Amino acid sequence: MSDLQELFGRAILHEELGQEVRNAVAYELDGLKRRDFSFPTDPADRVQEVKISALKVSLVGNHKKRITFEVDPKGAKDDIHDLIETALHERRLPMSMVRVNSVVIRMVFENTDGRGRPSKALSFRVSHPNSCNLKDSPEELIAKKYLKEWKIERA
């Protein structure tokens, strides 16, 4: 980090910026606050369902004030957006005034190995700007692929 960046952080933002993470993947999560955000998948990937089970937002201009919405992971696909609409009155706090900081996505895969349950669930967290807890299991690699396709992961 340059001295100018360090001084800007202290003088203007009143924060220590910390070291810049090189080659980190960046995520854009604001589209996920829209009810009509879709999660298209290829049938070959055996994905039966994709839904948001938790969503953390912060106020635009004040990232230290946050609201977390969390629903039953096994509930309906639109539960998270129903909860957001119930909790946030559009006239008091329009969605344009919040940014999505973190999201938990639940993917349900068809189990094709013939053993155990008919489906397998994978839940993972993605946080703005550059954090994701996916590893390298076959299902997690599929989830990583879709983060790019859904344009959540920015190039």
Protein backbone atom coordinates (compact mmCIF):
# COMPACT_ATOMS: atom_id res chain seq x y z
CA MET A 1 0.00 0.00 0.00
CA SER A 2 1.30 3.43 -0.85
CA ASP A 3 1.84 6.15 1.74
CA LEU A 4 -0.85 8.24 0.03
CA GLN A 5 -3.42 5.46 0.40
CA GLU A 6 -2.49 5.04 4.05
CA LEU A 7 -2.86 8.77 4.73
CA PHE A 8 -6.19 8.91 2.85
CA GLY A 9 -7.54 6.07 4.98
CA ARG A 10 -6.58 7.78 8.21
CA ALA A 11 -7.50 11.37 7.30
CA ILE A 12 -10.66 10.91 5.25
CA LEU A 13 -12.06 7.51 6.20
CA HIS A 14 -10.79 7.53 9.79
CA GLU A 15 -9.73 3.88 9.39
CA GLU A 16 -6.60 1.84 8.93
CA LEU A 17 -6.94 0.26 5.49
CA GLY A 18 -4.69 -2.72 6.10
CA GLN A 19 -2.70 -4.60 3.51
CA GLU A 20 -4.12 -5.03 0.04
CA VAL A 21 -4.88 -8.64 -0.85
CA ARG A 22 -3.38 -9.44 -4.26
CA ASN A 23 -5.15 -11.81 -6.68
CA ALA A 24 -8.23 -12.01 -4.45
CA VAL A 25 -11.51 -12.80 -6.16
CA ALA A 26 -14.01 -9.94 -5.92
CA TYR A 27 -17.73 -10.51 -5.38
CA GLU A 28 -20.65 -8.26 -6.24
CA LEU A 29 -23.65 -9.17 -4.11
CA ASP A 30 -26.10 -6.27 -4.51
CA GLY A 31 -28.05 -8.05 -7.25
CA LEU A 32 -29.05 -10.69 -4.70
CA LYS A 33 -31.34 -8.25 -2.88
CA ARG A 34 -33.66 -8.37 -5.90
CA ARG A 35 -36.43 -10.95 -5.71
CA ASP A 36 -36.12 -11.62 -9.46
CA PHE A 37 -32.43 -12.63 -9.27
CA SER A 38 -32.28 -16.04 -10.90
CA PHE A 39 -29.92 -18.96 -10.41
CA PRO A 40 -29.97 -20.84 -13.74
CA THR A 41 -28.15 -24.18 -13.73
CA ASP A 42 -27.33 -26.93 -16.21
CA PRO A 43 -29.22 -30.21 -15.57
CA ALA A 44 -25.92 -32.08 -15.98
CA ASP A 45 -24.73 -30.50 -12.71
CA ARG A 46 -27.58 -32.22 -10.76
CA VAL A 47 -28.61 -28.98 -9.00
CA GLN A 48 -32.18 -29.34 -7.77
CA GLU A 49 -32.53 -26.02 -5.94
CA VAL A 50 -30.64 -22.81 -5.20
CA LYS A 51 -31.81 -20.32 -2.59
CA ILE A 52 -30.55 -17.64 -0.25
CA SER A 53 -30.86 -18.61 3.40
CA ALA A 54 -29.17 -15.56 4.96
CA LEU A 55 -28.43 -12.05 3.77
CA LYS A 56 -26.55 -9.31 5.62
CA VAL A 57 -26.95 -5.71 4.51
CA SER A 58 -25.46 -2.43 5.62
CA LEU A 59 -26.63 1.11 5.13
CA VAL A 60 -25.10 2.96 2.19
CA GLY A 61 -22.52 5.33 3.62
CA ASN A 62 -22.38 3.57 6.99
CA HIS A 63 -21.08 0.02 6.71
CA LYS A 64 -20.97 -0.37 10.50
CA LYS A 65 -24.78 -0.42 10.78
CA ARG A 66 -25.90 -3.84 9.59
CA ILE A 67 -29.06 -5.93 9.44
CA THR A 68 -28.97 -9.70 9.03
CA PHE A 69 -31.91 -11.64 7.60
CA GLU A 70 -31.98 -15.37 8.11
CA VAL A 71 -34.63 -17.95 7.19
CA ASP A 72 -35.06 -21.71 7.47
CA PRO A 73 -32.68 -23.20 4.87
CA LYS A 74 -35.31 -25.81 4.01
CA GLY A 75 -38.09 -23.23 3.54
CA ALA A 76 -39.45 -21.74 0.32
CA LYS A 77 -37.19 -20.09 -2.24
CA ASP A 78 -38.64 -16.59 -1.71
CA ASP A 79 -38.66 -16.70 2.12
CA ILE A 80 -35.65 -14.39 2.41
CA HIS A 81 -37.22 -11.72 0.19
CA ASP A 82 -40.58 -12.05 1.95
CA LEU A 83 -38.79 -11.43 5.26
CA ILE A 84 -36.88 -8.44 3.88
CA GLU A 85 -40.08 -6.86 2.54
CA THR A 86 -41.82 -7.42 5.88
CA ALA A 87 -38.95 -6.02 7.95
CA LEU A 88 -37.88 -3.09 5.77
CA HIS A 89 -40.60 -0.65 4.94
CA GLU A 90 -39.73 0.66 1.46
CA ARG A 91 -40.62 4.26 2.39
CA ARG A 92 -38.45 4.27 5.50
CA LEU A 93 -35.49 2.32 4.14
CA PRO A 94 -35.57 1.74 0.39
CA MET A 95 -33.50 -1.14 -0.96
CA SER A 96 -31.43 1.40 -2.87
CA MET A 97 -30.10 2.55 0.52
CA VAL A 98 -28.66 -0.83 1.51
CA ARG A 99 -25.71 -2.83 0.23
CA VAL A 100 -25.41 -6.58 0.49
CA ASN A 101 -22.32 -7.45 2.52
CA SER A 102 -22.71 -11.17 2.94
CA VAL A 103 -24.95 -13.97 1.75
CA VAL A 104 -25.42 -17.66 2.54
CA ILE A 105 -26.43 -19.64 -0.53
CA ARG A 106 -27.86 -23.15 -0.25
CA MET A 107 -27.57 -25.50 -3.20
CA VAL A 108 -29.30 -28.89 -3.19
CA PHE A 109 -27.78 -31.56 -5.43
CA GLU A 110 -29.34 -34.79 -6.58
CA ASN A 111 -27.43 -37.68 -5.03
CA THR A 112 -26.51 -40.07 -7.84
CA ASP A 113 -24.26 -42.49 -5.96
CA GLY A 114 -27.20 -44.72 -4.99
CA ARG A 115 -26.34 -44.59 -1.27
CA GLY A 116 -27.79 -42.47 1.48
CA ARG A 117 -30.25 -39.65 0.98
CA PRO A 118 -31.71 -38.75 -2.40
CA SER A 119 -30.18 -35.26 -2.22
CA LYS A 120 -27.17 -33.49 -0.76
CA ALA A 121 -27.22 -29.88 0.46
CA LEU A 122 -24.30 -27.47 0.33
CA SER A 123 -24.46 -24.12 2.13
CA PHE A 124 -21.70 -21.57 1.69
CA ARG A 125 -21.04 -17.94 2.54
CA VAL A 126 -19.89 -15.25 0.13
CA SER A 127 -18.94 -11.83 1.51
CA HIS A 128 -18.16 -8.53 -0.17
CA PRO A 129 -15.54 -7.65 -1.22
CA ASN A 130 -13.56 -10.88 -1.54
CA SER A 131 -14.41 -13.72 0.82
CA CYS A 132 -15.92 -17.13 0.10
CA ASN A 133 -15.71 -20.31 2.17
CA LEU A 134 -15.99 -22.79 -0.71
CA LYS A 135 -13.27 -25.42 -0.94
CA ASP A 136 -12.67 -28.03 -3.67
CA SER A 137 -15.19 -30.88 -3.29
CA PRO A 138 -17.04 -31.74 -6.52
CA GLU A 139 -20.17 -29.84 -5.39
CA GLU A 140 -18.12 -26.85 -4.24
CA LEU A 141 -16.37 -26.67 -7.62
CA ILE A 142 -19.80 -26.58 -9.28
CA ALA A 143 -20.85 -23.78 -6.91
CA LYS A 144 -17.69 -21.82 -7.81
CA LYS A 145 -18.52 -22.23 -11.49
CA TYR A 146 -21.99 -20.80 -10.94
CA LEU A 147 -20.73 -17.83 -8.93
CA LYS A 148 -19.00 -16.79 -12.17
CA GLU A 149 -21.98 -17.59 -14.40
CA TRP A 150 -24.41 -15.73 -12.15
CA LYS A 151 -21.99 -12.76 -12.25
CA ILE A 152 -21.59 -12.77 -8.47
CA GLU A 153 -17.87 -13.29 -8.95
CA ARG A 154 -16.39 -10.34 -10.79
CA ALA A 155 -13.57 -10.87 -13.25
